[in-house]
PDB file of N, CA and C in Angstrom:
ATOM      1  N   UNK A   1     191.860 147.678 142.271  1.00  0.00           N
ATOM      2  CA  UNK A   1     191.668 146.328 142.738  1.00  0.00           C
ATOM      3  C   UNK A   1     191.637 145.392 141.539  1.00  0.00           C
ATOM      4  N   UNK A   2     192.320 144.285 141.634  1.00  0.00           N
ATOM      5  CA  UNK A   2     192.339 143.282 140.589  1.00  0.00           C
ATOM      6  C   UNK A   2     191.195 142.305 140.832  1.00  0.00           C
ATOM      7  N   UNK A   3     190.329 142.141 139.867  1.00  0.00           N
ATOM      8  CA  UNK A   3     189.191 141.245 139.992  1.00  0.00           C
ATOM      9  C   UNK A   3     189.430 139.984 139.181  1.00  0.00           C
ATOM     10  N   UNK A   4     189.975 138.984 139.827  1.00  0.00           N
ATOM     11  CA  UNK A   4     190.197 137.667 139.222  1.00  0.00           C
ATOM     12  C   UNK A   4     190.846 137.722 137.856  1.00  0.00           C
ATOM     13  N   UNK A   5     191.875 138.520 137.730  1.00  0.00           N
ATOM     14  CA  UNK A   5     192.622 138.577 136.483  1.00  0.00           C
ATOM     15  C   UNK A   5     191.952 139.366 135.382  1.00  0.00           C
ATOM     16  N   UNK A   6     190.846 140.020 135.691  1.00  0.00           N
ATOM     17  CA  UNK A   6     190.124 140.767 134.671  1.00  0.00           C
ATOM     18  C   UNK A   6     190.764 142.112 134.360  1.00  0.00           C
ATOM     19  N   UNK A   7     191.574 142.609 135.259  1.00  0.00           N
ATOM     20  CA  UNK A   7     192.192 143.909 135.060  1.00  0.00           C
ATOM     21  C   UNK A   7     192.114 144.734 136.320  1.00  0.00           C
ATOM     22  N   UNK A   8     192.658 145.929 136.246  1.00  0.00           N
ATOM     23  CA  UNK A   8     192.616 146.854 137.372  1.00  0.00           C
ATOM     24  C   UNK A   8     191.402 147.765 137.222  1.00  0.00           C
ATOM     25  N   UNK A   9     190.649 147.903 138.312  1.00  0.00           N
ATOM     26  CA  UNK A   9     189.460 148.737 138.278  1.00  0.00           C
ATOM     27  C   UNK A   9     189.420 149.623 139.510  1.00  0.00           C
ATOM     28  N   UNK A  10     188.863 150.803 139.340  1.00  0.00           N
ATOM     29  CA  UNK A  10     188.700 151.744 140.440  1.00  0.00           C
ATOM     30  C   UNK A  10     187.313 151.548 141.031  1.00  0.00           C
ATOM     31  N   UNK A  11     187.251 150.827 142.161  1.00  0.00           N
ATOM     32  CA  UNK A  11     185.967 150.492 142.756  1.00  0.00           C
ATOM     33  C   UNK A  11     185.214 151.693 143.295  1.00  0.00           C
ATOM     34  N   UNK A  12     185.924 152.744 143.672  1.00  0.00           N
ATOM     35  CA  UNK A  12     185.251 153.926 144.204  1.00  0.00           C
ATOM     36  C   UNK A  12     184.305 154.534 143.170  1.00  0.00           C
ATOM     37  N   UNK A  13     184.485 154.185 141.905  1.00  0.00           N
ATOM     38  CA  UNK A  13     183.595 154.676 140.854  1.00  0.00           C
ATOM     39  C   UNK A  13     182.168 154.168 141.048  1.00  0.00           C
ATOM     40  N   UNK A  14     182.006 153.090 141.796  1.00  0.00           N
ATOM     41  CA  UNK A  14     180.667 152.579 142.102  1.00  0.00           C
ATOM     42  C   UNK A  14     179.892 153.631 142.888  1.00  0.00           C
ATOM     43  N   UNK A  15     180.579 154.337 143.753  1.00  0.00           N
ATOM     44  CA  UNK A  15     179.937 155.315 144.623  1.00  0.00           C
ATOM     45  C   UNK A  15     180.033 156.745 144.091  1.00  0.00           C
ATOM     46  N   UNK A  16     180.953 156.997 143.165  1.00  0.00           N
ATOM     47  CA  UNK A  16     181.189 158.348 142.652  1.00  0.00           C
ATOM     48  C   UNK A  16     181.270 158.294 141.135  1.00  0.00           C
ATOM     49  N   UNK A  17     180.232 158.762 140.470  1.00  0.00           N
ATOM     50  CA  UNK A  17     180.151 158.664 139.012  1.00  0.00           C
ATOM     51  C   UNK A  17     181.162 159.548 138.293  1.00  0.00           C
ATOM     52  N   UNK A  18     181.827 160.437 139.016  1.00  0.00           N
ATOM     53  CA  UNK A  18     182.841 161.291 138.401  1.00  0.00           C
ATOM     54  C   UNK A  18     184.168 160.562 138.227  1.00  0.00           C
ATOM     55  N   UNK A  19     184.318 159.421 138.891  1.00  0.00           N
ATOM     56  CA  UNK A  19     185.561 158.647 138.826  1.00  0.00           C
ATOM     57  C   UNK A  19     185.444 157.630 137.695  1.00  0.00           C
ATOM     58  N   UNK A  20     186.492 157.516 136.893  1.00  0.00           N
ATOM     59  CA  UNK A  20     186.534 156.520 135.823  1.00  0.00           C
ATOM     60  C   UNK A  20     186.866 155.164 136.428  1.00  0.00           C
ATOM     61  N   UNK A  21     185.998 154.201 136.247  1.00  0.00           N
ATOM     62  CA  UNK A  21     186.167 152.864 136.836  1.00  0.00           C
ATOM     63  C   UNK A  21     187.243 152.040 136.147  1.00  0.00           C
ATOM     64  N   UNK A  22     187.544 152.364 134.909  1.00  0.00           N
ATOM     65  CA  UNK A  22     188.459 151.533 134.132  1.00  0.00           C
ATOM     66  C   UNK A  22     187.726 150.440 133.372  1.00  0.00           C
ATOM     67  N   UNK A  23     186.417 150.338 133.585  1.00  0.00           N
ATOM     68  CA  UNK A  23     185.582 149.368 132.867  1.00  0.00           C
ATOM     69  C   UNK A  23     185.209 149.988 131.524  1.00  0.00           C
ATOM     70  N   UNK A  24     185.415 149.243 130.462  1.00  0.00           N
ATOM     71  CA  UNK A  24     185.044 149.747 129.145  1.00  0.00           C
ATOM     72  C   UNK A  24     183.558 150.104 129.135  1.00  0.00           C
ATOM     73  N   UNK A  25     183.242 151.312 128.731  1.00  0.00           N
ATOM     74  CA  UNK A  25     181.870 151.830 128.684  1.00  0.00           C
ATOM     75  C   UNK A  25     181.241 151.899 130.071  1.00  0.00           C
ATOM     76  N   UNK A  26     182.059 151.994 131.097  1.00  0.00           N
ATOM     77  CA  UNK A  26     181.587 151.977 132.476  1.00  0.00           C
ATOM     78  C   UNK A  26     180.602 153.079 132.805  1.00  0.00           C
ATOM     79  N   UNK A  27     180.851 154.275 132.311  1.00  0.00           N
ATOM     80  CA  UNK A  27     179.937 155.387 132.629  1.00  0.00           C
ATOM     81  C   UNK A  27     178.561 155.149 132.019  1.00  0.00           C
ATOM     82  N   UNK A  28     178.539 154.676 130.798  1.00  0.00           N
ATOM     83  CA  UNK A  28     177.265 154.393 130.138  1.00  0.00           C
ATOM     84  C   UNK A  28     176.525 153.279 130.876  1.00  0.00           C
ATOM     85  N   UNK A  29     177.238 152.238 131.252  1.00  0.00           N
ATOM     86  CA  UNK A  29     176.623 151.148 132.003  1.00  0.00           C
ATOM     87  C   UNK A  29     176.125 151.633 133.360  1.00  0.00           C
ATOM     88  N   UNK A  30     176.896 152.505 133.996  1.00  0.00           N
ATOM     89  CA  UNK A  30     176.471 153.074 135.278  1.00  0.00           C
ATOM     90  C   UNK A  30     175.199 153.887 135.149  1.00  0.00           C
ATOM     91  N   UNK A  31     175.092 154.638 134.071  1.00  0.00           N
ATOM     92  CA  UNK A  31     173.880 155.417 133.833  1.00  0.00           C
ATOM     93  C   UNK A  31     172.680 154.489 133.636  1.00  0.00           C
ATOM     94  N   UNK A  32     172.909 153.381 132.932  1.00  0.00           N
ATOM     95  CA  UNK A  32     171.837 152.404 132.718  1.00  0.00           C
ATOM     96  C   UNK A  32     171.386 151.813 134.050  1.00  0.00           C
ATOM     97  N   UNK A  33     172.343 151.474 134.899  1.00  0.00           N
ATOM     98  CA  UNK A  33     172.009 150.923 136.219  1.00  0.00           C
ATOM     99  C   UNK A  33     171.224 151.947 137.043  1.00  0.00           C
ATOM    100  N   UNK A  34     171.723 153.177 137.091  1.00  0.00           N
ATOM    101  CA  UNK A  34     171.047 154.207 137.879  1.00  0.00           C
ATOM    102  C   UNK A  34     169.616 154.441 137.392  1.00  0.00           C
ATOM    103  N   UNK A  35     169.434 154.489 136.089  1.00  0.00           N
ATOM    104  CA  UNK A  35     168.087 154.688 135.542  1.00  0.00           C
ATOM    105  C   UNK A  35     167.183 153.505 135.884  1.00  0.00           C
ATOM    106  N   UNK A  36     167.742 152.308 135.850  1.00  0.00           N
ATOM    107  CA  UNK A  36     166.957 151.118 136.177  1.00  0.00           C
ATOM    108  C   UNK A  36     166.539 151.142 137.638  1.00  0.00           C
ATOM    109  N   UNK A  37     167.496 151.425 138.529  1.00  0.00           N
ATOM    110  CA  UNK A  37     167.189 151.468 139.961  1.00  0.00           C
ATOM    111  C   UNK A  37     166.148 152.538 140.259  1.00  0.00           C
ATOM    112  N   UNK A  38     166.229 153.647 139.547  1.00  0.00           N
ATOM    113  CA  UNK A  38     165.287 154.755 139.752  1.00  0.00           C
ATOM    114  C   UNK A  38     163.968 154.556 139.019  1.00  0.00           C
ATOM    115  N   UNK A  39     163.885 153.476 138.276  1.00  0.00           N
ATOM    116  CA  UNK A  39     162.682 153.136 137.508  1.00  0.00           C
ATOM    117  C   UNK A  39     162.295 154.240 136.536  1.00  0.00           C
ATOM    118  N   UNK A  40     163.313 154.801 135.898  1.00  0.00           N
ATOM    119  CA  UNK A  40     163.113 155.818 134.872  1.00  0.00           C
ATOM    120  C   UNK A  40     163.094 155.094 133.521  1.00  0.00           C
ATOM    121  N   UNK A  41     161.964 154.499 133.205  1.00  0.00           N
ATOM    122  CA  UNK A  41     161.876 153.539 132.107  1.00  0.00           C
ATOM    123  C   UNK A  41     162.181 154.140 130.746  1.00  0.00           C
ATOM    124  N   UNK A  42     161.815 155.389 130.519  1.00  0.00           N
ATOM    125  CA  UNK A  42     162.145 156.010 129.240  1.00  0.00           C
ATOM    126  C   UNK A  42     163.662 156.159 129.107  1.00  0.00           C
ATOM    127  N   UNK A  43     164.311 156.565 130.200  1.00  0.00           N
ATOM    128  CA  UNK A  43     165.774 156.669 130.197  1.00  0.00           C
ATOM    129  C   UNK A  43     166.413 155.304 130.013  1.00  0.00           C
ATOM    130  N   UNK A  44     165.841 154.294 130.657  1.00  0.00           N
ATOM    131  CA  UNK A  44     166.367 152.926 130.508  1.00  0.00           C
ATOM    132  C   UNK A  44     166.341 152.520 129.040  1.00  0.00           C
ATOM    133  N   UNK A  45     165.227 152.765 128.389  1.00  0.00           N
ATOM    134  CA  UNK A  45     165.105 152.395 126.969  1.00  0.00           C
ATOM    135  C   UNK A  45     166.127 153.147 126.117  1.00  0.00           C
ATOM    136  N   UNK A  46     166.289 154.438 126.380  1.00  0.00           N
ATOM    137  CA  UNK A  46     167.251 155.235 125.616  1.00  0.00           C
ATOM    138  C   UNK A  46     168.683 154.774 125.874  1.00  0.00           C
ATOM    139  N   UNK A  47     169.022 154.522 127.136  1.00  0.00           N
ATOM    140  CA  UNK A  47     170.373 154.090 127.483  1.00  0.00           C
ATOM    141  C   UNK A  47     170.667 152.690 126.965  1.00  0.00           C
ATOM    142  N   UNK A  48     169.670 151.836 127.010  1.00  0.00           N
ATOM    143  CA  UNK A  48     169.844 150.485 126.464  1.00  0.00           C
ATOM    144  C   UNK A  48     170.137 150.576 124.966  1.00  0.00           C
ATOM    145  N   UNK A  49     169.427 151.429 124.263  1.00  0.00           N
ATOM    146  CA  UNK A  49     169.673 151.617 122.829  1.00  0.00           C
ATOM    147  C   UNK A  49     171.085 152.161 122.592  1.00  0.00           C
ATOM    148  N   UNK A  50     171.524 153.096 123.442  1.00  0.00           N
ATOM    149  CA  UNK A  50     172.891 153.619 123.323  1.00  0.00           C
ATOM    150  C   UNK A  50     173.914 152.508 123.544  1.00  0.00           C
ATOM    151  N   UNK A  51     173.660 151.657 124.550  1.00  0.00           N
ATOM    152  CA  UNK A  51     174.573 150.541 124.826  1.00  0.00           C
ATOM    153  C   UNK A  51     174.671 149.605 123.621  1.00  0.00           C
ATOM    154  N   UNK A  52     173.533 149.307 123.022  1.00  0.00           N
ATOM    155  CA  UNK A  52     173.535 148.431 121.845  1.00  0.00           C
ATOM    156  C   UNK A  52     174.331 149.079 120.716  1.00  0.00           C
ATOM    157  N   UNK A  53     174.158 150.369 120.542  1.00  0.00           N
ATOM    158  CA  UNK A  53     174.881 151.082 119.483  1.00  0.00           C
ATOM    159  C   UNK A  53     176.392 151.102 119.742  1.00  0.00           C
ATOM    160  N   UNK A  54     176.781 151.325 120.975  1.00  0.00           N
ATOM    161  CA  UNK A  54     178.195 151.475 121.324  1.00  0.00           C
ATOM    162  C   UNK A  54     178.892 150.129 121.544  1.00  0.00           C
ATOM    163  N   UNK A  55     178.210 149.218 122.244  1.00  0.00           N
ATOM    164  CA  UNK A  55     178.837 147.946 122.645  1.00  0.00           C
ATOM    165  C   UNK A  55     178.385 146.757 121.815  1.00  0.00           C
ATOM    166  N   UNK A  56     177.250 146.902 121.174  1.00  0.00           N
ATOM    167  CA  UNK A  56     176.661 145.778 120.464  1.00  0.00           C
ATOM    168  C   UNK A  56     175.611 145.096 121.322  1.00  0.00           C
ATOM    169  N   UNK A  57     174.702 144.410 120.661  1.00  0.00           N
ATOM    170  CA  UNK A  57     173.582 143.777 121.360  1.00  0.00           C
ATOM    171  C   UNK A  57     174.042 142.679 122.319  1.00  0.00           C
ATOM    172  N   UNK A  58     174.999 141.867 121.892  1.00  0.00           N
ATOM    173  CA  UNK A  58     175.423 140.739 122.727  1.00  0.00           C
ATOM    174  C   UNK A  58     176.033 141.204 124.048  1.00  0.00           C
ATOM    175  N   UNK A  59     176.916 142.197 123.995  1.00  0.00           N
ATOM    176  CA  UNK A  59     177.538 142.696 125.227  1.00  0.00           C
ATOM    177  C   UNK A  59     176.508 143.402 126.111  1.00  0.00           C
ATOM    178  N   UNK A  60     175.570 144.081 125.501  1.00  0.00           N
ATOM    179  CA  UNK A  60     174.523 144.749 126.272  1.00  0.00           C
ATOM    180  C   UNK A  60     173.673 143.727 127.003  1.00  0.00           C
ATOM    181  N   UNK A  61     173.255 142.693 126.306  1.00  0.00           N
ATOM    182  CA  UNK A  61     172.457 141.638 126.932  1.00  0.00           C
ATOM    183  C   UNK A  61     173.263 140.960 128.040  1.00  0.00           C
ATOM    184  N   UNK A  62     174.540 140.688 127.785  1.00  0.00           N
ATOM    185  CA  UNK A  62     175.389 140.069 128.812  1.00  0.00           C
ATOM    186  C   UNK A  62     175.482 140.937 130.056  1.00  0.00           C
ATOM    187  N   UNK A  63     175.702 142.235 129.882  1.00  0.00           N
ATOM    188  CA  UNK A  63     175.834 143.151 131.018  1.00  0.00           C
ATOM    189  C   UNK A  63     174.544 143.198 131.833  1.00  0.00           C
ATOM    190  N   UNK A  64     173.415 143.283 131.154  1.00  0.00           N
ATOM    191  CA  UNK A  64     172.126 143.330 131.849  1.00  0.00           C
ATOM    192  C   UNK A  64     171.851 142.002 132.551  1.00  0.00           C
ATOM    193  N   UNK A  65     172.191 140.897 131.912  1.00  0.00           N
ATOM    194  CA  UNK A  65     171.973 139.582 132.526  1.00  0.00           C
ATOM    195  C   UNK A  65     172.828 139.397 133.772  1.00  0.00           C
ATOM    196  N   UNK A  66     174.087 139.798 133.712  1.00  0.00           N
ATOM    197  CA  UNK A  66     174.971 139.666 134.876  1.00  0.00           C
ATOM    198  C   UNK A  66     174.460 140.536 136.023  1.00  0.00           C
ATOM    199  N   UNK A  67     174.099 141.772 135.736  1.00  0.00           N
ATOM    200  CA  UNK A  67     173.582 142.658 136.782  1.00  0.00           C
ATOM    201  C   UNK A  67     172.308 142.085 137.393  1.00  0.00           C
ATOM    202  N   UNK A  68     171.437 141.560 136.570  1.00  0.00           N
ATOM    203  CA  UNK A  68     170.189 140.964 137.061  1.00  0.00           C
ATOM    204  C   UNK A  68     170.458 139.743 137.924  1.00  0.00           C
ATOM    205  N   UNK A  69     171.379 138.909 137.486  1.00  0.00           N
ATOM    206  CA  UNK A  69     171.698 137.701 138.245  1.00  0.00           C
ATOM    207  C   UNK A  69     172.268 138.052 139.616  1.00  0.00           C
ATOM    208  N   UNK A  70     173.197 138.995 139.662  1.00  0.00           N
ATOM    209  CA  UNK A  70     173.777 139.393 140.950  1.00  0.00           C
ATOM    210  C   UNK A  70     172.712 139.984 141.857  1.00  0.00           C
ATOM    211  N   UNK A  71     171.815 140.787 141.305  1.00  0.00           N
ATOM    212  CA  UNK A  71     170.737 141.368 142.095  1.00  0.00           C
ATOM    213  C   UNK A  71     169.860 140.268 142.682  1.00  0.00           C
ATOM    214  N   UNK A  72     169.505 139.296 141.866  1.00  0.00           N
ATOM    215  CA  UNK A  72     168.665 138.195 142.335  1.00  0.00           C
ATOM    216  C   UNK A  72     169.344 137.354 143.394  1.00  0.00           C
ATOM    217  N   UNK A  73     170.605 137.023 143.168  1.00  0.00           N
ATOM    218  CA  UNK A  73     171.356 136.215 144.118  1.00  0.00           C
ATOM    219  C   UNK A  73     171.454 136.933 145.462  1.00  0.00           C
ATOM    220  N   UNK A  74     171.742 138.212 145.426  1.00  0.00           N
ATOM    221  CA  UNK A  74     171.865 138.996 146.663  1.00  0.00           C
ATOM    222  C   UNK A  74     170.540 139.055 147.399  1.00  0.00           C
ATOM    223  N   UNK A  75     169.463 139.275 146.691  1.00  0.00           N
ATOM    224  CA  UNK A  75     168.143 139.341 147.339  1.00  0.00           C
ATOM    225  C   UNK A  75     167.777 138.014 147.987  1.00  0.00           C
ATOM    226  N   UNK A  76     168.077 136.914 147.307  1.00  0.00           N
ATOM    227  CA  UNK A  76     167.777 135.597 147.878  1.00  0.00           C
ATOM    228  C   UNK A  76     168.609 135.362 149.135  1.00  0.00           C
ATOM    229  N   UNK A  77     169.894 135.655 149.057  1.00  0.00           N
ATOM    230  CA  UNK A  77     170.771 135.474 150.219  1.00  0.00           C
ATOM    231  C   UNK A  77     170.300 136.336 151.388  1.00  0.00           C
ATOM    232  N   UNK A  78     169.965 137.582 151.116  1.00  0.00           N
ATOM    233  CA  UNK A  78     169.509 138.473 152.184  1.00  0.00           C
ATOM    234  C   UNK A  78     168.171 138.011 152.760  1.00  0.00           C
ATOM    235  N   UNK A  79     167.255 137.613 151.898  1.00  0.00           N
ATOM    236  CA  UNK A  79     165.929 137.209 152.350  1.00  0.00           C
ATOM    237  C   UNK A  79     165.963 135.942 153.197  1.00  0.00           C
ATOM    238  N   UNK A  80     166.904 135.070 152.902  1.00  0.00           N
ATOM    239  CA  UNK A  80     166.991 133.814 153.653  1.00  0.00           C
ATOM    240  C   UNK A  80     167.964 133.900 154.821  1.00  0.00           C
ATOM    241  N   UNK A  81     168.662 135.032 154.945  1.00  0.00           N
ATOM    242  CA  UNK A  81     169.573 135.215 156.066  1.00  0.00           C
ATOM    243  C   UNK A  81     170.901 134.506 155.909  1.00  0.00           C
ATOM    244  N   UNK A  82     171.277 134.203 154.672  1.00  0.00           N
ATOM    245  CA  UNK A  82     172.558 133.529 154.440  1.00  0.00           C
ATOM    246  C   UNK A  82     173.682 134.504 154.754  1.00  0.00           C
ATOM    247  N   UNK A  83     174.551 134.155 155.705  1.00  0.00           N
ATOM    248  CA  UNK A  83     175.664 135.065 156.036  1.00  0.00           C
ATOM    249  C   UNK A  83     176.783 134.970 154.998  1.00  0.00           C
ATOM    250  N   UNK A  84     177.608 135.977 154.969  1.00  0.00           N
ATOM    251  CA  UNK A  84     178.772 135.993 154.095  1.00  0.00           C
ATOM    252  C   UNK A  84     179.784 134.995 154.634  1.00  0.00           C
ATOM    253  N   UNK A  85     180.219 134.047 153.798  1.00  0.00           N
ATOM    254  CA  UNK A  85     181.203 133.049 154.216  1.00  0.00           C
ATOM    255  C   UNK A  85     182.501 133.720 154.635  1.00  0.00           C
ATOM    256  N   UNK A  86     183.270 133.031 155.478  1.00  0.00           N
ATOM    257  CA  UNK A  86     184.505 133.616 156.001  1.00  0.00           C
ATOM    258  C   UNK A  86     185.526 133.906 154.896  1.00  0.00           C
ATOM    259  N   UNK A  87     185.631 133.044 153.891  1.00  0.00           N
ATOM    260  CA  UNK A  87     186.581 133.273 152.799  1.00  0.00           C
ATOM    261  C   UNK A  87     186.295 134.559 152.049  1.00  0.00           C
ATOM    262  N   UNK A  88     185.082 134.697 151.506  1.00  0.00           N
ATOM    263  CA  UNK A  88     184.748 135.944 150.835  1.00  0.00           C
ATOM    264  C   UNK A  88     184.767 137.151 151.788  1.00  0.00           C
ATOM    265  N   UNK A  89     184.403 136.939 153.040  1.00  0.00           N
ATOM    266  CA  UNK A  89     184.420 138.046 154.006  1.00  0.00           C
ATOM    267  C   UNK A  89     185.837 138.582 154.158  1.00  0.00           C
ATOM    268  N   UNK A  90     186.810 137.690 154.256  1.00  0.00           N
ATOM    269  CA  UNK A  90     188.207 138.111 154.399  1.00  0.00           C
ATOM    270  C   UNK A  90     188.732 138.749 153.117  1.00  0.00           C
ATOM    271  N   UNK A  91     188.449 138.119 151.974  1.00  0.00           N
ATOM    272  CA  UNK A  91     189.013 138.617 150.713  1.00  0.00           C
ATOM    273  C   UNK A  91     188.365 139.910 150.234  1.00  0.00           C
ATOM    274  N   UNK A  92     187.178 140.228 150.749  1.00  0.00           N
ATOM    275  CA  UNK A  92     186.500 141.450 150.326  1.00  0.00           C
ATOM    276  C   UNK A  92     186.459 142.522 151.415  1.00  0.00           C
ATOM    277  N   UNK A  93     187.122 142.290 152.539  1.00  0.00           N
ATOM    278  CA  UNK A  93     187.064 143.230 153.670  1.00  0.00           C
ATOM    279  C   UNK A  93     187.490 144.634 153.264  1.00  0.00           C
ATOM    280  N   UNK A  94     188.599 144.753 152.551  1.00  0.00           N
ATOM    281  CA  UNK A  94     189.098 146.057 152.144  1.00  0.00           C
ATOM    282  C   UNK A  94     188.116 146.749 151.195  1.00  0.00           C
ATOM    283  N   UNK A  95     187.612 146.013 150.230  1.00  0.00           N
ATOM    284  CA  UNK A  95     186.669 146.574 149.275  1.00  0.00           C
ATOM    285  C   UNK A  95     185.389 147.021 149.989  1.00  0.00           C
ATOM    286  N   UNK A  96     184.865 146.183 150.878  1.00  0.00           N
ATOM    287  CA  UNK A  96     183.643 146.532 151.593  1.00  0.00           C
ATOM    288  C   UNK A  96     183.844 147.761 152.466  1.00  0.00           C
ATOM    289  N   UNK A  97     185.021 147.888 153.043  1.00  0.00           N
ATOM    290  CA  UNK A  97     185.337 149.062 153.859  1.00  0.00           C
ATOM    291  C   UNK A  97     185.440 150.313 152.986  1.00  0.00           C
ATOM    292  N   UNK A  98     186.166 150.195 151.875  1.00  0.00           N
ATOM    293  CA  UNK A  98     186.368 151.331 150.975  1.00  0.00           C
ATOM    294  C   UNK A  98     185.040 151.863 150.455  1.00  0.00           C
ATOM    295  N   UNK A  99     184.109 150.977 150.140  1.00  0.00           N
ATOM    296  CA  UNK A  99     182.829 151.378 149.575  1.00  0.00           C
ATOM    297  C   UNK A  99     181.725 151.527 150.621  1.00  0.00           C
ATOM    298  N   UNK A 100     182.060 151.278 151.885  1.00  0.00           N
ATOM    299  CA  UNK A 100     181.107 151.361 153.001  1.00  0.00           C
ATOM    300  C   UNK A 100     179.924 150.417 152.796  1.00  0.00           C
ATOM    301  N   UNK A 101     180.190 149.281 152.176  1.00  0.00           N
ATOM    302  CA  UNK A 101     179.128 148.308 151.910  1.00  0.00           C
ATOM    303  C   UNK A 101     178.533 147.773 153.210  1.00  0.00           C
ATOM    304  N   UNK A 102     179.367 147.566 154.220  1.00  0.00           N
ATOM    305  CA  UNK A 102     178.865 147.032 155.487  1.00  0.00           C
ATOM    306  C   UNK A 102     177.947 148.023 156.197  1.00  0.00           C
ATOM    307  N   UNK A 103     177.987 149.290 155.794  1.00  0.00           N
ATOM    308  CA  UNK A 103     177.125 150.311 156.392  1.00  0.00           C
ATOM    309  C   UNK A 103     175.788 150.428 155.675  1.00  0.00           C
ATOM    310  N   UNK A 104     175.624 149.659 154.609  1.00  0.00           N
ATOM    311  CA  UNK A 104     174.419 149.745 153.790  1.00  0.00           C
ATOM    312  C   UNK A 104     173.189 149.400 154.617  1.00  0.00           C
ATOM    313  N   UNK A 105     172.167 150.212 154.543  1.00  0.00           N
ATOM    314  CA  UNK A 105     170.932 150.003 155.293  1.00  0.00           C
ATOM    315  C   UNK A 105     169.810 149.649 154.317  1.00  0.00           C
ATOM    316  N   UNK A 106     169.313 148.430 154.429  1.00  0.00           N
ATOM    317  CA  UNK A 106     168.239 148.014 153.537  1.00  0.00           C
ATOM    318  C   UNK A 106     166.976 148.840 153.750  1.00  0.00           C
ATOM    319  N   UNK A 107     166.762 149.318 154.959  1.00  0.00           N
ATOM    320  CA  UNK A 107     165.579 150.142 155.194  1.00  0.00           C
ATOM    321  C   UNK A 107     165.650 151.426 154.371  1.00  0.00           C
ATOM    322  N   UNK A 108     166.850 151.984 154.216  1.00  0.00           N
ATOM    323  CA  UNK A 108     167.031 153.181 153.397  1.00  0.00           C
ATOM    324  C   UNK A 108     166.782 152.855 151.927  1.00  0.00           C
ATOM    325  N   UNK A 109     167.276 151.689 151.484  1.00  0.00           N
ATOM    326  CA  UNK A 109     167.038 151.274 150.099  1.00  0.00           C
ATOM    327  C   UNK A 109     165.540 151.155 149.853  1.00  0.00           C
ATOM    328  N   UNK A 110     164.837 150.530 150.789  1.00  0.00           N
ATOM    329  CA  UNK A 110     163.393 150.371 150.636  1.00  0.00           C
ATOM    330  C   UNK A 110     162.698 151.723 150.565  1.00  0.00           C
ATOM    331  N   UNK A 111     163.096 152.631 151.460  1.00  0.00           N
ATOM    332  CA  UNK A 111     162.488 153.953 151.467  1.00  0.00           C
ATOM    333  C   UNK A 111     162.726 154.676 150.142  1.00  0.00           C
ATOM    334  N   UNK A 112     163.925 154.517 149.614  1.00  0.00           N
ATOM    335  CA  UNK A 112     164.316 155.257 148.418  1.00  0.00           C
ATOM    336  C   UNK A 112     163.756 154.657 147.132  1.00  0.00           C
ATOM    337  N   UNK A 113     163.742 153.322 147.041  1.00  0.00           N
ATOM    338  CA  UNK A 113     163.427 152.695 145.755  1.00  0.00           C
ATOM    339  C   UNK A 113     162.136 151.897 145.695  1.00  0.00           C
ATOM    340  N   UNK A 114     161.607 151.484 146.795  1.00  0.00           N
ATOM    341  CA  UNK A 114     160.405 150.643 146.760  1.00  0.00           C
ATOM    342  C   UNK A 114     159.145 151.494 146.718  1.00  0.00           C
ATOM    343  N   UNK A 115     158.870 152.002 145.535  1.00  0.00           N
ATOM    344  CA  UNK A 115     157.646 152.758 145.328  1.00  0.00           C
ATOM    345  C   UNK A 115     156.870 152.085 144.215  1.00  0.00           C
ATOM    346  N   UNK A 116     155.662 152.474 144.060  1.00  0.00           N
ATOM    347  CA  UNK A 116     154.783 151.836 143.074  1.00  0.00           C
ATOM    348  C   UNK A 116     155.379 151.930 141.680  1.00  0.00           C
ATOM    349  N   UNK A 117     155.270 150.837 140.953  1.00  0.00           N
ATOM    350  CA  UNK A 117     155.714 150.833 139.555  1.00  0.00           C
ATOM    351  C   UNK A 117     154.561 151.242 138.666  1.00  0.00           C
ATOM    352  N   UNK A 118     154.925 151.826 137.563  1.00  0.00           N
ATOM    353  CA  UNK A 118     153.881 152.232 136.613  1.00  0.00           C
ATOM    354  C   UNK A 118     154.195 151.647 135.269  1.00  0.00           C
TER     355      UNK A 118
END
């Protein structure tokens, strides 16, 4: 899938870590995301250090900031009940189908990830 002229990427890699996404350092970034979602803070610190070593501090900060911003925007939209506009709904239909995004159950996310932080 072409993402606004950024290049060709394999979106299925979002759901399957064995697939190469085509994103530079994608596997390392994916590991950082997974550790963050799982609240494995020691792993997060180690992976963040690896990202800084491999990508540099600026790119690491940018990647974390973008991921954080998207997470926040999505949570706000979901919490307020903002529906997906028709334009983005049409342009992302194939991607959402391929990744089964429309099947996503927030109750499952809550069960899996909303546990006490330490």
